[in-house]
Amino acid sequence: MKEIILALVTGLVVGIVFAALKLPIPAPPALAGVAGIVGIYLGFKVMLWMGPVFTEIFK
């Protein structure tokens, strides 16, 4: 839970800094950005789960 809170606070601070400096937001549109992050996370988890299987297949 601590990691989630730290990530949220960090994102909030970065958003405030970018808005204060009148820079474009450093993320894709809201839903597409969230979907991309979820996809990256799921791909990482699938690779951790299937990695040993791929190693055995391509040995």
PDB file of N, CA and C in Angstrom:
ATOM      1  N   MET A   1       0.823  -1.191   0.000  1.00  0.00           N
ATOM      2  CA  MET A   1       0.000   0.000   0.000  1.00  0.00           C
ATOM      3  C   MET A   1       0.871   1.260   0.000  1.00  0.00           C
ATOM      4  N   LYS A   2       2.022   1.163   0.669  1.00  0.00           N
ATOM      5  CA  LYS A   2       2.929   2.308   0.732  1.00  0.00           C
ATOM      6  C   LYS A   2       3.411   2.695  -0.665  1.00  0.00           C
ATOM      7  N   GLU A   3       3.712   1.696  -1.513  1.00  0.00           N
ATOM      8  CA  GLU A   3       4.171   1.968  -2.877  1.00  0.00           C
ATOM      9  C   GLU A   3       3.101   2.685  -3.683  1.00  0.00           C
ATOM     10  N   ILE A   4       1.850   2.291  -3.498  1.00  0.00           N
ATOM     11  CA  ILE A   4       0.752   2.914  -4.235  1.00  0.00           C
ATOM     12  C   ILE A   4       0.613   4.381  -3.843  1.00  0.00           C
ATOM     13  N   ILE A   5       0.682   4.651  -2.558  1.00  0.00           N
ATOM     14  CA  ILE A   5       0.563   6.035  -2.078  1.00  0.00           C
ATOM     15  C   ILE A   5       1.733   6.878  -2.575  1.00  0.00           C
ATOM     16  N   LEU A   6       2.948   6.318  -2.509  1.00  0.00           N
ATOM     17  CA  LEU A   6       4.124   7.055  -3.006  1.00  0.00           C
ATOM     18  C   LEU A   6       4.019   7.332  -4.502  1.00  0.00           C
ATOM     19  N   ALA A   7       3.554   6.365  -5.268  1.00  0.00           N
ATOM     20  CA  ALA A   7       3.392   6.552  -6.714  1.00  0.00           C
ATOM     21  C   ALA A   7       2.348   7.628  -7.004  1.00  0.00           C
ATOM     22  N   LEU A   8       1.258   7.617  -6.262  1.00  0.00           N
ATOM     23  CA  LEU A   8       0.211   8.615  -6.453  1.00  0.00           C
ATOM     24  C   LEU A   8       0.716  10.016  -6.097  1.00  0.00           C
ATOM     25  N   VAL A   9       1.420  10.138  -4.983  1.00  0.00           N
ATOM     26  CA  VAL A   9       1.956  11.442  -4.574  1.00  0.00           C
ATOM     27  C   VAL A   9       2.990  11.936  -5.589  1.00  0.00           C
ATOM     28  N   THR A  10       3.855  11.050  -6.064  1.00  0.00           N
ATOM     29  CA  THR A  10       4.852  11.426  -7.061  1.00  0.00           C
ATOM     30  C   THR A  10       4.187  11.909  -8.340  1.00  0.00           C
ATOM     31  N   GLY A  11       3.181  11.177  -8.792  1.00  0.00           N
ATOM     32  CA  GLY A  11       2.442  11.588  -9.984  1.00  0.00           C
ATOM     33  C   GLY A  11       1.764  12.928  -9.797  1.00  0.00           C
ATOM     34  N   LEU A  12       1.211  13.153  -8.626  1.00  0.00           N
ATOM     35  CA  LEU A  12       0.566  14.428  -8.328  1.00  0.00           C
ATOM     36  C   LEU A  12       1.568  15.576  -8.378  1.00  0.00           C
ATOM     37  N   VAL A  13       2.730  15.383  -7.781  1.00  0.00           N
ATOM     38  CA  VAL A  13       3.767  16.418  -7.784  1.00  0.00           C
ATOM     39  C   VAL A  13       4.237  16.704  -9.206  1.00  0.00           C
ATOM     40  N   VAL A  14       4.470  15.663  -9.990  1.00  0.00           N
ATOM     41  CA  VAL A  14       4.909  15.848 -11.380  1.00  0.00           C
ATOM     42  C   VAL A  14       3.837  16.593 -12.169  1.00  0.00           C
ATOM     43  N   GLY A  15       2.583  16.228 -11.976  1.00  0.00           N
ATOM     44  CA  GLY A  15       1.493  16.924 -12.668  1.00  0.00           C
ATOM     45  C   GLY A  15       1.439  18.393 -12.308  1.00  0.00           C
ATOM     46  N   ILE A  16       1.631  18.717 -11.039  1.00  0.00           N
ATOM     47  CA  ILE A  16       1.624  20.117 -10.596  1.00  0.00           C
ATOM     48  C   ILE A  16       2.794  20.883 -11.213  1.00  0.00           C
ATOM     49  N   VAL A  17       3.981  20.275 -11.220  1.00  0.00           N
ATOM     50  CA  VAL A  17       5.160  20.933 -11.796  1.00  0.00           C
ATOM     51  C   VAL A  17       4.952  21.192 -13.285  1.00  0.00           C
ATOM     52  N   PHE A  18       4.460  20.203 -14.018  1.00  0.00           N
ATOM     53  CA  PHE A  18       4.244  20.382 -15.457  1.00  0.00           C
ATOM     54  C   PHE A  18       3.197  21.458 -15.720  1.00  0.00           C
ATOM     55  N   ALA A  19       2.130  21.477 -14.917  1.00  0.00           N
ATOM     56  CA  ALA A  19       1.095  22.502 -15.093  1.00  0.00           C
ATOM     57  C   ALA A  19       1.648  23.887 -14.767  1.00  0.00           C
ATOM     58  N   ALA A  20       2.449  23.990 -13.711  1.00  0.00           N
ATOM     59  CA  ALA A  20       3.019  25.277 -13.324  1.00  0.00           C
ATOM     60  C   ALA A  20       3.957  25.825 -14.389  1.00  0.00           C
ATOM     61  N   LEU A  21       4.684  24.941 -15.059  1.00  0.00           N
ATOM     62  CA  LEU A  21       5.618  25.348 -16.105  1.00  0.00           C
ATOM     63  C   LEU A  21       4.946  25.434 -17.477  1.00  0.00           C
ATOM     64  N   LYS A  22       3.619  25.192 -17.513  1.00  0.00           N
ATOM     65  CA  LYS A  22       2.824  25.233 -18.747  1.00  0.00           C
ATOM     66  C   LYS A  22       3.377  24.286 -19.817  1.00  0.00           C
ATOM     67  N   LEU A  23       3.762  23.094 -19.377  1.00  0.00           N
ATOM     68  CA  LEU A  23       4.249  22.053 -20.277  1.00  0.00           C
ATOM     69  C   LEU A  23       3.116  21.065 -20.546  1.00  0.00           C
ATOM     70  N   PRO A  24       3.143  20.379 -21.678  1.00  0.00           N
ATOM     71  CA  PRO A  24       2.114  19.363 -21.916  1.00  0.00           C
ATOM     72  C   PRO A  24       2.263  18.204 -20.934  1.00  0.00           C
ATOM     73  N   ILE A  25       1.159  17.608 -20.594  1.00  0.00           N
ATOM     74  CA  ILE A  25       1.174  16.509 -19.630  1.00  0.00           C
ATOM     75  C   ILE A  25       2.039  15.363 -20.169  1.00  0.00           C
ATOM     76  N   PRO A  26       2.888  14.774 -19.337  1.00  0.00           N
ATOM     77  CA  PRO A  26       3.807  13.730 -19.804  1.00  0.00           C
ATOM     78  C   PRO A  26       3.163  12.346 -19.847  1.00  0.00           C
ATOM     79  N   ALA A  27       1.965  12.264 -20.414  1.00  0.00           N
ATOM     80  CA  ALA A  27       1.258  10.989 -20.496  1.00  0.00           C
ATOM     81  C   ALA A  27       0.297  11.039 -21.677  1.00  0.00           C
ATOM     82  N   PRO A  28      -0.027   9.884 -22.237  1.00  0.00           N
ATOM     83  CA  PRO A  28      -1.028   9.858 -23.301  1.00  0.00           C
ATOM     84  C   PRO A  28      -2.409  10.165 -22.727  1.00  0.00           C
ATOM     85  N   PRO A  29      -3.431  10.300 -23.596  1.00  0.00           N
ATOM     86  CA  PRO A  29      -4.780  10.548 -23.100  1.00  0.00           C
ATOM     87  C   PRO A  29      -5.164   9.554 -22.002  1.00  0.00           C
ATOM     88  N   ALA A  30      -6.007   9.965 -21.089  1.00  0.00           N
ATOM     89  CA  ALA A  30      -6.288   9.237 -19.851  1.00  0.00           C
ATOM     90  C   ALA A  30      -6.541   7.746 -20.031  1.00  0.00           C
ATOM     91  N   LEU A  31      -7.563   7.359 -20.752  1.00  0.00           N
ATOM     92  CA  LEU A  31      -7.900   5.940 -20.851  1.00  0.00           C
ATOM     93  C   LEU A  31      -6.826   5.158 -21.608  1.00  0.00           C
ATOM     94  N   ALA A  32      -6.323   5.738 -22.682  1.00  0.00           N
ATOM     95  CA  ALA A  32      -5.273   5.056 -23.445  1.00  0.00           C
ATOM     96  C   ALA A  32      -4.011   4.893 -22.601  1.00  0.00           C
ATOM     97  N   GLY A  33      -3.687   5.887 -21.798  1.00  0.00           N
ATOM     98  CA  GLY A  33      -2.511   5.806 -20.939  1.00  0.00           C
ATOM     99  C   GLY A  33      -2.644   4.721 -19.890  1.00  0.00           C
ATOM    100  N   VAL A  34      -3.809   4.658 -19.261  1.00  0.00           N
ATOM    101  CA  VAL A  34      -4.052   3.626 -18.251  1.00  0.00           C
ATOM    102  C   VAL A  34      -4.017   2.242 -18.893  1.00  0.00           C
ATOM    103  N   ALA A  35      -4.642   2.104 -20.069  1.00  0.00           N
ATOM    104  CA  ALA A  35      -4.650   0.813 -20.760  1.00  0.00           C
ATOM    105  C   ALA A  35      -3.224   0.384 -21.120  1.00  0.00           C
ATOM    106  N   GLY A  36      -2.402   1.339 -21.556  1.00  0.00           N
ATOM    107  CA  GLY A  36      -1.014   1.020 -21.884  1.00  0.00           C
ATOM    108  C   GLY A  36      -0.226   0.567 -20.678  1.00  0.00           C
ATOM    109  N   ILE A  37      -0.409   1.243 -19.560  1.00  0.00           N
ATOM    110  CA  ILE A  37       0.292   0.866 -18.335  1.00  0.00           C
ATOM    111  C   ILE A  37      -0.151  -0.511 -17.866  1.00  0.00           C
ATOM    112  N   VAL A  38      -1.447  -0.776 -17.917  1.00  0.00           N
ATOM    113  CA  VAL A  38      -1.963  -2.091 -17.520  1.00  0.00           C
ATOM    114  C   VAL A  38      -1.401  -3.170 -18.449  1.00  0.00           C
ATOM    115  N   GLY A  39      -1.342  -2.879 -19.751  1.00  0.00           N
ATOM    116  CA  GLY A  39      -0.788  -3.834 -20.706  1.00  0.00           C
ATOM    117  C   GLY A  39       0.671  -4.147 -20.436  1.00  0.00           C
ATOM    118  N   ILE A  40       1.445  -3.129 -20.127  1.00  0.00           N
ATOM    119  CA  ILE A  40       2.858  -3.341 -19.805  1.00  0.00           C
ATOM    120  C   ILE A  40       2.988  -4.207 -18.557  1.00  0.00           C
ATOM    121  N   TYR A  41       2.196  -3.905 -17.547  1.00  0.00           N
ATOM    122  CA  TYR A  41       2.234  -4.676 -16.301  1.00  0.00           C
ATOM    123  C   TYR A  41       1.850  -6.134 -16.553  1.00  0.00           C
ATOM    124  N   LEU A  42       0.764  -6.346 -17.302  1.00  0.00           N
ATOM    125  CA  LEU A  42       0.323  -7.712 -17.578  1.00  0.00           C
ATOM    126  C   LEU A  42       1.340  -8.478 -18.415  1.00  0.00           C
ATOM    127  N   GLY A  43       1.944  -7.799 -19.398  1.00  0.00           N
ATOM    128  CA  GLY A  43       2.973  -8.443 -20.204  1.00  0.00           C
ATOM    129  C   GLY A  43       4.160  -8.873 -19.362  1.00  0.00           C
ATOM    130  N   PHE A  44       4.543  -8.033 -18.427  1.00  0.00           N
ATOM    131  CA  PHE A  44       5.645  -8.361 -17.523  1.00  0.00           C
ATOM    132  C   PHE A  44       5.294  -9.574 -16.671  1.00  0.00           C
ATOM    133  N   LYS A  45       4.084  -9.586 -16.122  1.00  0.00           N
ATOM    134  CA  LYS A  45       3.661 -10.701 -15.269  1.00  0.00           C
ATOM    135  C   LYS A  45       3.549 -11.998 -16.072  1.00  0.00           C
ATOM    136  N   VAL A  46       3.031 -11.932 -17.302  1.00  0.00           N
ATOM    137  CA  VAL A  46       2.927 -13.124 -18.147  1.00  0.00           C
ATOM    138  C   VAL A  46       4.311 -13.673 -18.444  1.00  0.00           C
ATOM    139  N   MET A  47       5.258 -12.780 -18.725  1.00  0.00           N
ATOM    140  CA  MET A  47       6.615 -13.239 -19.023  1.00  0.00           C
ATOM    141  C   MET A  47       7.256 -13.885 -17.806  1.00  0.00           C
ATOM    142  N   LEU A  48       7.016 -13.341 -16.616  1.00  0.00           N
ATOM    143  CA  LEU A  48       7.538 -13.975 -15.403  1.00  0.00           C
ATOM    144  C   LEU A  48       6.942 -15.359 -15.214  1.00  0.00           C
ATOM    145  N   TRP A  49       5.661 -15.491 -15.527  1.00  0.00           N
ATOM    146  CA  TRP A  49       4.954 -16.756 -15.348  1.00  0.00           C
ATOM    147  C   TRP A  49       5.326 -17.762 -16.440  1.00  0.00           C
ATOM    148  N   MET A  50       5.442 -17.294 -17.686  1.00  0.00           N
ATOM    149  CA  MET A  50       5.698 -18.181 -18.819  1.00  0.00           C
ATOM    150  C   MET A  50       7.183 -18.277 -19.181  1.00  0.00           C
ATOM    151  N   GLY A  51       8.022 -17.458 -18.588  1.00  0.00           N
ATOM    152  CA  GLY A  51       9.445 -17.459 -18.917  1.00  0.00           C
ATOM    153  C   GLY A  51      10.094 -18.826 -18.841  1.00  0.00           C
ATOM    154  N   PRO A  52       9.899 -19.553 -17.741  1.00  0.00           N
ATOM    155  CA  PRO A  52      10.492 -20.891 -17.669  1.00  0.00           C
ATOM    156  C   PRO A  52       9.980 -21.833 -18.763  1.00  0.00           C
ATOM    157  N   VAL A  53       8.728 -21.694 -19.140  1.00  0.00           N
ATOM    158  CA  VAL A  53       8.165 -22.533 -20.211  1.00  0.00           C
ATOM    159  C   VAL A  53       8.868 -22.217 -21.524  1.00  0.00           C
ATOM    160  N   PHE A  54       9.032 -20.914 -21.839  1.00  0.00           N
ATOM    161  CA  PHE A  54       9.709 -20.529 -23.071  1.00  0.00           C
ATOM    162  C   PHE A  54      11.153 -21.017 -23.070  1.00  0.00           C
ATOM    163  N   THR A  55      11.802 -20.972 -21.933  1.00  0.00           N
ATOM    164  CA  THR A  55      13.183 -21.447 -21.822  1.00  0.00           C
ATOM    165  C   THR A  55      13.275 -22.925 -22.158  1.00  0.00           C
ATOM    166  N   GLU A  56      12.331 -23.709 -21.652  1.00  0.00           N
ATOM    167  CA  GLU A  56      12.332 -25.144 -21.924  1.00  0.00           C
ATOM    168  C   GLU A  56      12.016 -25.443 -23.391  1.00  0.00           C
ATOM    169  N   ILE A  57      11.098 -24.691 -23.979  1.00  0.00           N
ATOM    170  CA  ILE A  57      10.692 -24.925 -25.377  1.00  0.00           C
ATOM    171  C   ILE A  57      11.852 -24.618 -26.318  1.00  0.00           C
ATOM    172  N   PHE A  58      12.543 -23.515 -26.102  1.00  0.00           N
ATOM    173  CA  PHE A  58      13.583 -23.069 -27.021  1.00  0.00           C
ATOM    174  C   PHE A  58      14.976 -23.480 -26.595  1.00  0.00           C
ATOM    175  N   LYS A  59      15.093 -24.499 -25.767  1.00  0.00           N
ATOM    176  CA  LYS A  59      16.374 -24.988 -25.295  1.00  0.00           C
ATOM    177  C   LYS A  59      17.109 -25.744 -26.366  1.00  0.00           C
TER     178      LYS A  59
END
